[in-house]
Protein backbone atom coordinates (compact mmCIF):
# COMPACT_ATOMS: atom_id res chain seq x y z
CA MET A 1 15.73 58.10 -71.55
CA LYS A 2 16.88 55.93 -68.65
CA LYS A 3 18.87 58.84 -67.12
CA LEU A 4 15.90 61.16 -67.65
CA GLY A 5 13.66 58.65 -65.89
CA TYR A 6 16.00 58.44 -62.91
CA CYS A 7 16.08 62.25 -62.73
CA ILE A 8 12.29 62.48 -62.74
CA VAL A 9 12.04 59.92 -59.90
CA ILE A 10 14.67 61.77 -57.85
CA LEU A 11 12.94 65.11 -58.37
CA PHE A 12 9.61 63.57 -57.36
CA VAL A 13 11.07 62.11 -54.16
CA LEU A 14 12.70 65.41 -53.27
CA ALA A 15 9.44 67.25 -53.87
CA VAL A 16 7.53 64.85 -51.62
CA PHE A 17 9.97 65.14 -48.74
CA SER A 18 10.28 68.94 -49.03
CA CYS A 19 6.54 69.57 -48.67
CA GLU A 20 4.74 70.18 -45.40
CA GLU A 21 2.10 67.49 -45.50
CA ASN A 22 -0.27 66.14 -42.92
CA PRO A 23 1.39 62.84 -41.94
CA PHE A 24 -2.00 61.52 -40.81
CA PRO A 25 -4.49 62.61 -43.50
CA ASP A 26 -7.40 60.82 -41.83
CA ILE A 27 -7.09 62.98 -38.69
CA PRO A 28 -9.11 66.20 -39.05
CA GLU A 29 -7.56 69.61 -38.96
CA TYR A 30 -9.25 72.98 -38.88
CA ASP A 31 -8.66 76.54 -39.98
CA ASP A 32 -7.90 78.84 -37.08
CA ASP A 33 -10.47 81.46 -37.95
CA ILE A 34 -11.68 82.08 -34.37
CA ASP A 35 -9.22 83.71 -31.97
CA LEU A 36 -8.95 81.43 -28.96
CA HIS A 37 -8.59 84.14 -26.32
CA THR A 38 -11.94 85.71 -27.28
CA LYS A 39 -13.84 82.62 -26.09
CA TRP A 40 -12.70 82.59 -22.46
CA PRO A 41 -13.06 85.11 -19.60
CA PHE A 42 -9.56 84.54 -18.14
CA LEU A 43 -6.36 85.62 -19.83
CA VAL A 44 -5.15 83.07 -22.38
CA GLY A 45 -1.47 83.09 -23.31
CA THR A 46 1.32 81.07 -24.85
CA ALA A 47 5.03 80.45 -24.66
CA VAL A 48 6.68 81.96 -27.73
CA PRO A 49 9.37 79.62 -29.04
CA GLY A 50 12.55 80.21 -30.81
CA ALA A 51 13.77 83.80 -30.71
CA ARG A 52 17.24 82.39 -30.00
CA THR A 53 17.05 80.18 -33.11
CA GLY A 54 17.12 83.06 -35.58
CA SER A 55 14.88 83.49 -38.59
CA GLY A 56 13.63 79.92 -39.19
CA ALA A 57 10.24 78.30 -38.64
CA ALA A 58 11.03 77.70 -34.97
CA ASN A 59 11.11 81.45 -34.29
CA ALA A 60 7.48 82.43 -33.98
CA LEU A 61 8.37 86.14 -33.88
CA ASN A 62 9.63 85.89 -37.45
CA VAL A 63 6.78 87.05 -39.71
CA ASN A 64 7.76 84.39 -42.26
CA SER A 65 7.46 81.57 -39.74
CA PRO A 66 4.31 79.47 -40.12
CA GLN A 67 3.95 79.73 -36.33
CA HIS A 68 3.71 83.50 -36.45
CA LYS A 69 0.06 83.58 -37.52
CA LEU A 70 -0.88 81.52 -34.46
CA LEU A 71 0.10 84.31 -32.07
CA LYS A 72 -3.24 86.04 -32.75
CA HIS A 73 -4.92 83.47 -30.51
CA PHE A 74 -3.18 84.68 -27.36
CA GLU A 75 -3.22 87.90 -25.35
CA VAL A 76 -0.30 87.10 -23.03
CA LEU A 77 3.14 86.03 -24.20
CA VAL A 78 5.97 84.39 -22.25
CA ALA A 79 9.44 83.64 -23.58
CA GLU A 80 10.03 79.92 -23.79
CA ASN A 81 13.74 80.43 -23.08
CA GLU A 82 14.79 84.02 -23.71
CA MET A 83 14.37 85.39 -20.19
CA LYS A 84 15.88 82.45 -18.31
CA PRO A 85 19.11 83.35 -16.47
CA TYR A 86 21.45 81.71 -19.00
CA ALA A 87 19.86 83.67 -21.85
CA ILE A 88 20.39 87.15 -20.41
CA MET A 89 23.34 86.75 -18.04
CA PRO A 90 26.85 87.21 -19.44
CA ALA A 91 28.91 84.10 -20.18
CA SER A 92 31.39 85.01 -17.44
CA MET A 93 31.05 86.92 -14.19
CA PRO A 94 31.22 90.71 -14.62
CA SER A 95 34.12 92.47 -12.96
CA GLY A 96 33.64 94.34 -9.71
CA LEU A 97 31.23 93.76 -6.87
CA PRO A 98 27.72 92.60 -7.82
CA SER A 99 26.39 95.90 -6.48
CA THR A 100 28.25 97.63 -9.33
CA TRP A 101 26.87 95.42 -12.13
CA THR A 102 24.59 97.21 -14.57
CA VAL A 103 22.07 96.54 -17.32
CA SER A 104 24.89 96.90 -19.86
CA ASN A 105 26.54 93.73 -18.52
CA TYR A 106 23.61 91.61 -19.71
CA ASN A 107 22.39 90.28 -23.07
CA TRP A 108 18.94 91.64 -24.00
CA THR A 109 18.68 91.10 -27.76
CA ASP A 110 16.38 88.08 -27.67
CA SER A 111 14.27 89.13 -24.68
CA ASP A 112 13.86 92.59 -26.22
CA ALA A 113 12.53 90.99 -29.39
CA LEU A 114 9.62 89.52 -27.46
CA VAL A 115 8.98 92.61 -25.33
CA ASN A 116 9.03 94.91 -28.37
CA TYR A 117 6.72 92.61 -30.34
CA ALA A 118 4.27 92.43 -27.42
CA LYS A 119 4.20 96.21 -27.01
CA ALA A 120 3.71 96.78 -30.74
CA ASN A 121 0.85 94.29 -30.91
CA GLY A 122 -1.08 95.05 -27.71
CA LYS A 123 -0.01 91.88 -25.89
CA LYS A 124 0.78 91.47 -22.21
CA ILE A 125 4.00 89.79 -21.04
CA ARG A 126 4.69 87.21 -18.35
CA GLY A 127 8.31 86.80 -17.17
CA HIS A 128 9.97 83.39 -16.81
CA VAL A 129 12.13 83.16 -14.73
CA LEU A 130 14.23 85.13 -12.21
CA ILE A 131 15.71 82.38 -9.99
CA TRP A 132 16.08 78.79 -11.17
CA HIS A 133 18.62 76.10 -10.38
CA ASP A 134 18.69 75.06 -14.06
CA GLN A 135 19.82 77.03 -17.14
CA THR A 136 21.94 79.35 -15.03
CA PRO A 137 25.64 79.97 -15.79
CA ALA A 138 28.05 77.97 -13.61
CA TRP A 139 29.91 81.11 -12.52
CA PHE A 140 26.82 82.25 -10.66
CA PHE A 141 27.30 79.42 -8.14
CA ASN A 142 31.12 79.34 -7.96
CA GLY A 143 33.04 80.99 -5.15
CA SER A 144 35.11 80.65 -2.01
CA GLY A 145 32.79 78.34 -0.13
CA VAL A 146 32.64 74.56 0.32
CA ASP A 147 34.07 72.58 -2.63
CA GLY A 148 34.43 75.78 -4.70
CA ARG A 149 30.80 76.75 -4.34
CA ALA A 150 29.75 80.29 -3.54
CA THR A 151 29.22 81.21 0.05
CA LYS A 152 25.66 82.11 1.00
CA GLN A 153 26.58 85.80 1.03
CA GLN A 154 28.23 85.59 -2.38
CA LEU A 155 25.14 83.89 -3.76
CA TYR A 156 22.81 86.46 -2.18
CA ASP A 157 24.82 89.36 -3.58
CA ARG A 158 24.55 87.89 -7.06
CA MET A 159 20.88 87.04 -6.72
CA GLU A 160 20.04 90.57 -5.58
CA ALA A 161 22.13 92.05 -8.42
CA HIS A 162 20.40 89.86 -11.02
CA ILE A 163 16.91 90.74 -9.79
CA ARG A 164 17.81 94.42 -9.58
CA ILE A 165 19.16 94.49 -13.14
CA VAL A 166 16.12 92.71 -14.61
CA PHE A 167 13.74 95.23 -13.05
CA GLN A 168 15.94 98.18 -13.98
CA LYS A 169 15.66 96.93 -17.55
CA TYR A 170 11.95 96.09 -17.75
CA GLY A 171 10.33 97.82 -14.77
CA GLY A 172 6.58 97.29 -15.07
CA ASP A 173 6.59 96.24 -18.75
CA ILE A 174 6.40 92.60 -17.64
CA GLU A 175 3.31 92.30 -15.46
CA TRP A 176 3.90 88.86 -13.90
CA TRP A 177 7.13 87.11 -12.93
CA ASP A 178 8.01 83.60 -11.88
CA VAL A 179 10.32 84.67 -9.07
CA CYS A 180 11.46 81.11 -8.25
CA ASN A 181 10.88 77.93 -10.23
CA GLU A 182 11.09 74.26 -9.25
CA VAL A 183 12.60 74.59 -5.79
CA VAL A 184 10.84 71.49 -4.40
CA ASP A 185 12.17 68.04 -5.29
CA HIS A 186 9.90 65.73 -7.25
CA ASP A 187 11.12 62.79 -5.16
CA ILE A 188 10.59 64.16 -1.67
CA THR A 189 12.01 61.01 -0.03
CA THR A 190 15.56 61.88 -1.16
CA ASN A 191 16.15 65.22 0.49
CA GLY A 192 13.25 66.07 2.73
CA GLY A 193 11.62 68.11 0.02
CA ALA A 194 14.22 70.70 -1.07
CA ARG A 195 15.51 70.21 -4.59
CA ALA A 196 18.49 67.86 -4.15
CA ASN A 197 20.30 68.75 -7.40
CA SER A 198 19.95 72.49 -6.86
CA MET A 199 23.03 74.56 -6.16
CA TYR A 200 20.79 76.86 -4.16
CA THR A 201 19.93 73.95 -1.82
CA ARG A 202 23.59 72.92 -1.51
CA ILE A 203 24.76 76.43 -0.69
CA MET A 204 22.02 76.87 1.89
CA GLU A 205 23.08 73.55 3.48
CA ASP A 206 26.76 74.60 3.29
CA SER A 207 25.80 77.59 5.43
CA GLY A 208 24.24 75.36 8.08
CA LEU A 209 20.59 75.80 7.18
CA THR A 210 18.41 72.71 7.49
CA GLY A 211 14.78 71.74 7.02
CA ILE A 212 12.36 74.42 5.91
CA ASP A 213 15.00 77.12 6.50
CA ARG A 214 16.78 75.92 3.36
CA TYR A 215 14.19 78.02 1.51
CA GLU A 216 15.56 81.25 2.96
CA TYR A 217 16.85 82.18 -0.51
CA VAL A 218 13.28 81.94 -1.87
CA GLU A 219 12.08 84.35 0.81
CA ASN A 220 14.87 86.78 -0.07
CA ALA A 221 14.21 86.49 -3.80
CA PHE A 222 10.58 87.56 -3.33
CA LYS A 223 11.55 90.47 -1.11
CA TRP A 224 14.19 91.69 -3.58
CA ALA A 225 11.77 91.26 -6.52
CA ARG A 226 9.12 93.34 -4.76
CA HIS A 227 11.60 96.02 -3.76
CA TYR A 228 13.20 96.42 -7.18
CA ALA A 229 9.91 96.14 -9.08
CA ASP A 230 8.42 98.92 -6.99
CA ASP A 231 11.62 100.97 -7.26
CA ASN A 232 11.52 100.83 -11.05
CA GLY A 233 7.88 101.62 -11.84
CA GLY A 234 6.62 98.08 -11.41
CA THR A 235 4.14 98.42 -8.57
CA ASN A 236 1.68 96.60 -10.86
CA VAL A 237 3.97 93.51 -11.12
CA LYS A 238 2.67 90.27 -9.57
CA LEU A 239 5.13 87.73 -8.17
CA TYR A 240 4.67 83.94 -8.48
CA LEU A 241 6.19 80.74 -7.10
CA THR A 242 6.03 78.05 -9.78
CA ASP A 243 6.57 74.29 -9.89
CA PHE A 244 5.44 71.10 -11.59
CA GLY A 245 3.71 68.12 -10.05
CA ILE A 246 2.12 70.16 -7.28
CA GLU A 247 -1.41 69.75 -8.61
CA ARG A 248 -2.27 66.35 -7.15
CA ARG A 249 -1.53 63.80 -4.45
CA PHE A 250 -0.03 60.57 -5.67
CA PRO A 251 -2.06 57.39 -4.93
CA ASN A 252 -1.18 55.30 -1.89
CA THR A 253 1.10 57.91 -0.31
CA THR A 254 0.67 59.83 2.90
CA ARG A 255 2.93 62.69 1.77
CA SER A 256 3.47 64.01 -1.74
CA LYS A 257 5.26 66.91 -3.41
CA VAL A 258 2.13 69.00 -3.03
CA ASP A 259 2.42 68.74 0.78
CA VAL A 260 6.03 69.94 0.76
CA PHE A 261 5.14 72.77 -1.63
CA LYS A 262 2.24 73.82 0.61
CA GLU A 263 4.61 73.93 3.57
CA LEU A 264 6.94 76.16 1.56
CA VAL A 265 4.10 78.57 0.75
CA GLU A 266 3.12 78.64 4.44
CA TYR A 267 6.76 79.40 5.30
CA LEU A 268 6.81 82.32 2.84
CA ILE A 269 3.57 83.68 4.28
CA GLU A 270 4.94 83.40 7.83
CA LYS A 271 8.07 85.26 6.72
CA GLU A 272 5.89 87.92 5.05
CA ALA A 273 7.42 87.33 1.66
CA PRO A 274 5.38 89.33 -0.91
CA ILE A 275 4.09 86.35 -2.90
CA ASP A 276 1.02 87.07 -5.07
CA GLY A 277 0.28 83.63 -6.39
CA ILE A 278 1.12 80.10 -7.38
CA GLY A 279 2.04 78.90 -10.87
CA PHE A 280 0.95 75.39 -11.76
CA GLN A 281 3.12 74.40 -14.69
CA GLY A 282 0.46 72.02 -15.96
CA HIS A 283 2.59 69.56 -17.94
CA PHE A 284 -0.13 66.93 -17.90
CA ARG A 285 -0.38 63.46 -19.47
CA LEU A 286 -3.58 62.16 -21.00
CA TYR A 287 -5.61 60.07 -18.54
CA ASP A 288 -3.12 60.79 -15.71
CA HIS A 289 -4.34 64.16 -14.44
CA PRO A 290 -8.07 64.35 -13.69
CA PRO A 291 -9.34 67.94 -14.14
CA ALA A 292 -11.53 67.68 -11.02
CA GLU A 293 -8.52 66.71 -8.90
CA ILE A 294 -6.45 69.58 -10.29
CA GLY A 295 -9.35 71.90 -9.54
CA GLY A 296 -9.32 70.77 -5.93
CA TRP A 297 -5.70 71.85 -5.52
CA ILE A 298 -6.44 75.19 -7.19
CA ASP A 299 -9.02 75.64 -4.44
CA THR A 300 -6.43 74.73 -1.78
CA PHE A 301 -3.79 77.22 -2.86
CA ALA A 302 -6.24 79.98 -3.74
CA ALA A 303 -7.58 79.79 -0.17
CA MET A 304 -4.14 80.54 1.30
CA GLU A 305 -3.88 84.05 2.67
CA ARG A 306 -1.03 86.43 3.38
CA LYS A 307 -0.79 88.26 6.70
CA ASP A 308 -2.21 91.37 5.00
CA SER A 309 -5.36 89.28 4.21
CA LYS A 310 -4.57 89.10 0.48
CA LYS A 311 -5.45 85.68 -0.90
CA LEU A 312 -3.17 84.01 -3.43
CA THR A 313 -4.15 83.59 -7.08
CA VAL A 314 -3.36 80.57 -9.24
CA GLN A 315 -2.11 80.68 -12.81
CA VAL A 316 -1.66 77.66 -15.05
CA CYS A 317 1.51 78.76 -16.76
CA GLU A 318 2.92 75.91 -18.89
CA LEU A 319 -0.07 73.85 -20.01
CA ASP A 320 0.37 71.00 -22.48
CA ILE A 321 -1.18 67.54 -22.55
CA SER A 322 1.01 64.67 -23.77
CA ILE A 323 -0.82 61.88 -25.57
CA PHE A 324 1.39 59.31 -23.78
CA SER A 325 -0.10 58.00 -20.57
CA GLY A 326 1.46 56.53 -17.46
CA ALA A 327 -2.00 55.31 -16.46
CA LYS A 328 -1.91 53.02 -19.48
CA GLY A 329 1.58 51.76 -18.70
CA GLU A 330 3.29 53.60 -21.54
CA GLY A 331 6.96 53.92 -20.79
CA SER A 332 9.87 55.30 -22.75
CA ASP A 333 9.47 52.68 -25.51
CA ALA A 334 5.81 53.49 -26.18
CA LYS A 335 4.72 53.43 -29.83
CA MET A 336 1.36 54.33 -31.24
CA SER A 337 -0.60 53.25 -34.33
CA ASN A 338 -2.48 55.78 -36.42
CA ASN A 339 -5.80 54.47 -35.13
CA VAL A 340 -4.77 54.83 -31.51
CA LEU A 341 -3.36 58.28 -32.24
CA ALA A 342 -6.68 59.40 -33.73
CA LEU A 343 -8.49 58.19 -30.62
CA ARG A 344 -5.96 59.89 -28.32
CA LEU A 345 -6.33 63.21 -30.11
CA THR A 346 -10.10 63.07 -29.66
CA ASP A 347 -9.67 62.25 -25.98
CA GLN A 348 -7.08 65.01 -25.72
CA ALA A 349 -9.59 67.49 -27.15
CA ASP A 350 -12.19 66.44 -24.62
CA THR A 351 -9.62 66.78 -21.82
CA TYR A 352 -8.56 70.26 -22.90
CA ARG A 353 -12.20 71.31 -22.91
CA GLU A 354 -12.79 69.79 -19.45
CA PHE A 355 -9.81 71.72 -18.12
CA PHE A 356 -10.87 75.02 -19.65
CA ASP A 357 -14.43 74.65 -18.36
CA MET A 358 -12.98 73.97 -14.89
CA PHE A 359 -10.65 76.97 -15.24
CA LYS A 360 -13.67 79.12 -16.12
CA THR A 361 -15.38 78.06 -12.89
CA LYS A 362 -12.29 78.87 -10.84
CA HIS A 363 -11.93 82.24 -12.57
CA ALA A 364 -15.54 83.10 -11.73
CA ALA A 365 -14.70 82.34 -8.08
CA GLY A 366 -11.70 84.66 -8.17
CA LYS A 367 -9.18 81.85 -7.81
CA LEU A 368 -7.51 81.78 -11.25
CA ASP A 369 -6.80 84.57 -13.71
CA MET A 370 -4.58 83.15 -16.45
CA VAL A 371 -3.85 80.01 -18.48
CA LEU A 372 -0.82 79.74 -20.78
CA ILE A 373 -0.23 77.00 -23.31
CA TRP A 374 3.43 75.95 -23.45
CA GLY A 375 4.02 76.41 -27.15
CA LEU A 376 2.17 76.89 -30.42
CA ALA A 377 2.48 73.90 -32.76
CA ASP A 378 3.20 70.24 -32.04
CA GLY A 379 6.29 70.09 -34.22
CA HIS A 380 8.13 72.57 -32.00
CA SER A 381 7.07 71.27 -28.60
CA TRP A 382 9.74 70.44 -26.03
CA LEU A 383 7.92 67.13 -25.44
CA ASN A 384 9.33 65.78 -28.70
CA GLU A 385 12.65 65.65 -26.83
CA HIS A 386 11.51 65.06 -23.25
CA PRO A 387 11.21 62.72 -21.44
CA VAL A 388 12.11 60.54 -24.44
CA LYS A 389 14.48 62.10 -26.92
CA GLY A 390 13.14 61.91 -30.47
CA ARG A 391 9.70 60.52 -29.54
CA THR A 392 6.94 62.26 -31.49
CA ASP A 393 4.33 63.85 -29.27
CA TYR A 394 1.21 65.89 -29.98
CA PRO A 395 0.55 68.00 -26.86
CA LEU A 396 -0.61 71.37 -28.20
CA LEU A 397 -3.61 72.93 -29.95
CA PHE A 398 -2.11 73.19 -33.45
CA ASN A 399 -0.57 70.39 -35.53
CA ARG A 400 2.58 70.10 -37.60
CA ASN A 401 0.76 71.77 -40.47
CA TYR A 402 0.05 74.74 -38.18
CA LYS A 403 -3.65 73.93 -38.41
CA GLY A 404 -6.11 73.65 -35.56
CA LYS A 405 -6.55 70.23 -33.97
CA GLU A 406 -9.72 68.87 -32.43
CA ALA A 407 -8.60 70.44 -29.15
CA TYR A 408 -8.55 73.90 -30.74
CA LYS A 409 -11.93 73.29 -32.36
CA LEU A 410 -13.54 72.31 -29.03
CA LEU A 411 -12.03 75.27 -27.18
CA VAL A 412 -13.52 77.79 -29.62
CA SER A 413 -16.90 76.07 -29.83
CA ASP A 414 -19.82 77.39 -27.82
């Protein structure tokens, strides 16, 4: 009997830990019976996680994943990782000159999974990202230049080849692209604004470019993207410059990242780069990012005008709202009681609604046309690993049970 008793206890413990249970039963959750995108006039999208992780719960394209059912809420899909350079470029440099590289040199399995799903289900697709200093194979930046880096011409040949190949593959199937991402440094005091840890910046400086001219590669990327999009049936494609932290001016400073970013956009306009709009990533923290202030910067960038009189459009392309707040002095060691968590989730819901109401106003004024949430369910958010590895965060609209949170409920309420 004693052995049987031990076995029963063990089985009970295993059963408890194998179940998906709400870890905070006093916090309300809701059925997702109203499709989110039907409640708002602008396009509402999401980053689709996990195609590279196979058939598990993290892969929302897997029909057996509990995340899969949440895709119905969104009309635009963007790959969380599957279209970044490292995901589609080969592991080593193809042979021959970059001008001879072809679609067959690249890896399309995971990106195709998203594109094919979107086409089959009447969804639109946003592309992320063509040119980024991060998550790009090392060979792309190696060459015969300073300290083994590529020369500017070697880099430009590879950039043009990469952009050409992507548009030869997808043409106009992907209607919006982040052409360049995160080219401005968050700490503008370290390098005059250009991203200090970017190999693009270093190679530009190796070639003798200084100041604003270090963004010459951004100008070229937009011109190549426009050329190869148009050349492959993508005249409908819109081209965006995207960054984080460009939505507000920091207190007690005379110059912030937003100022440097605005100078970059002005430079691109002066150079007649075919930029269509600005992507605000929108990785916000609760209490730290006032919706009214963000709205003011949407106004600023949406008022900027190309030489052909076309005004820029803003998209919020990676929206999530962390429950951890710098305004409340919460650093990397921040912990939270259940009571505080419940309060934060209510405040988070109110904040999401404030943002969406503001976005609706900007959409009505022709300044904003799309908002994408960066993920589906809290348990799979990148914020559980960043900026504090292993810290549990709750930044999205659906919880770890794949049920609607208060934020979802407010966004679908009239």
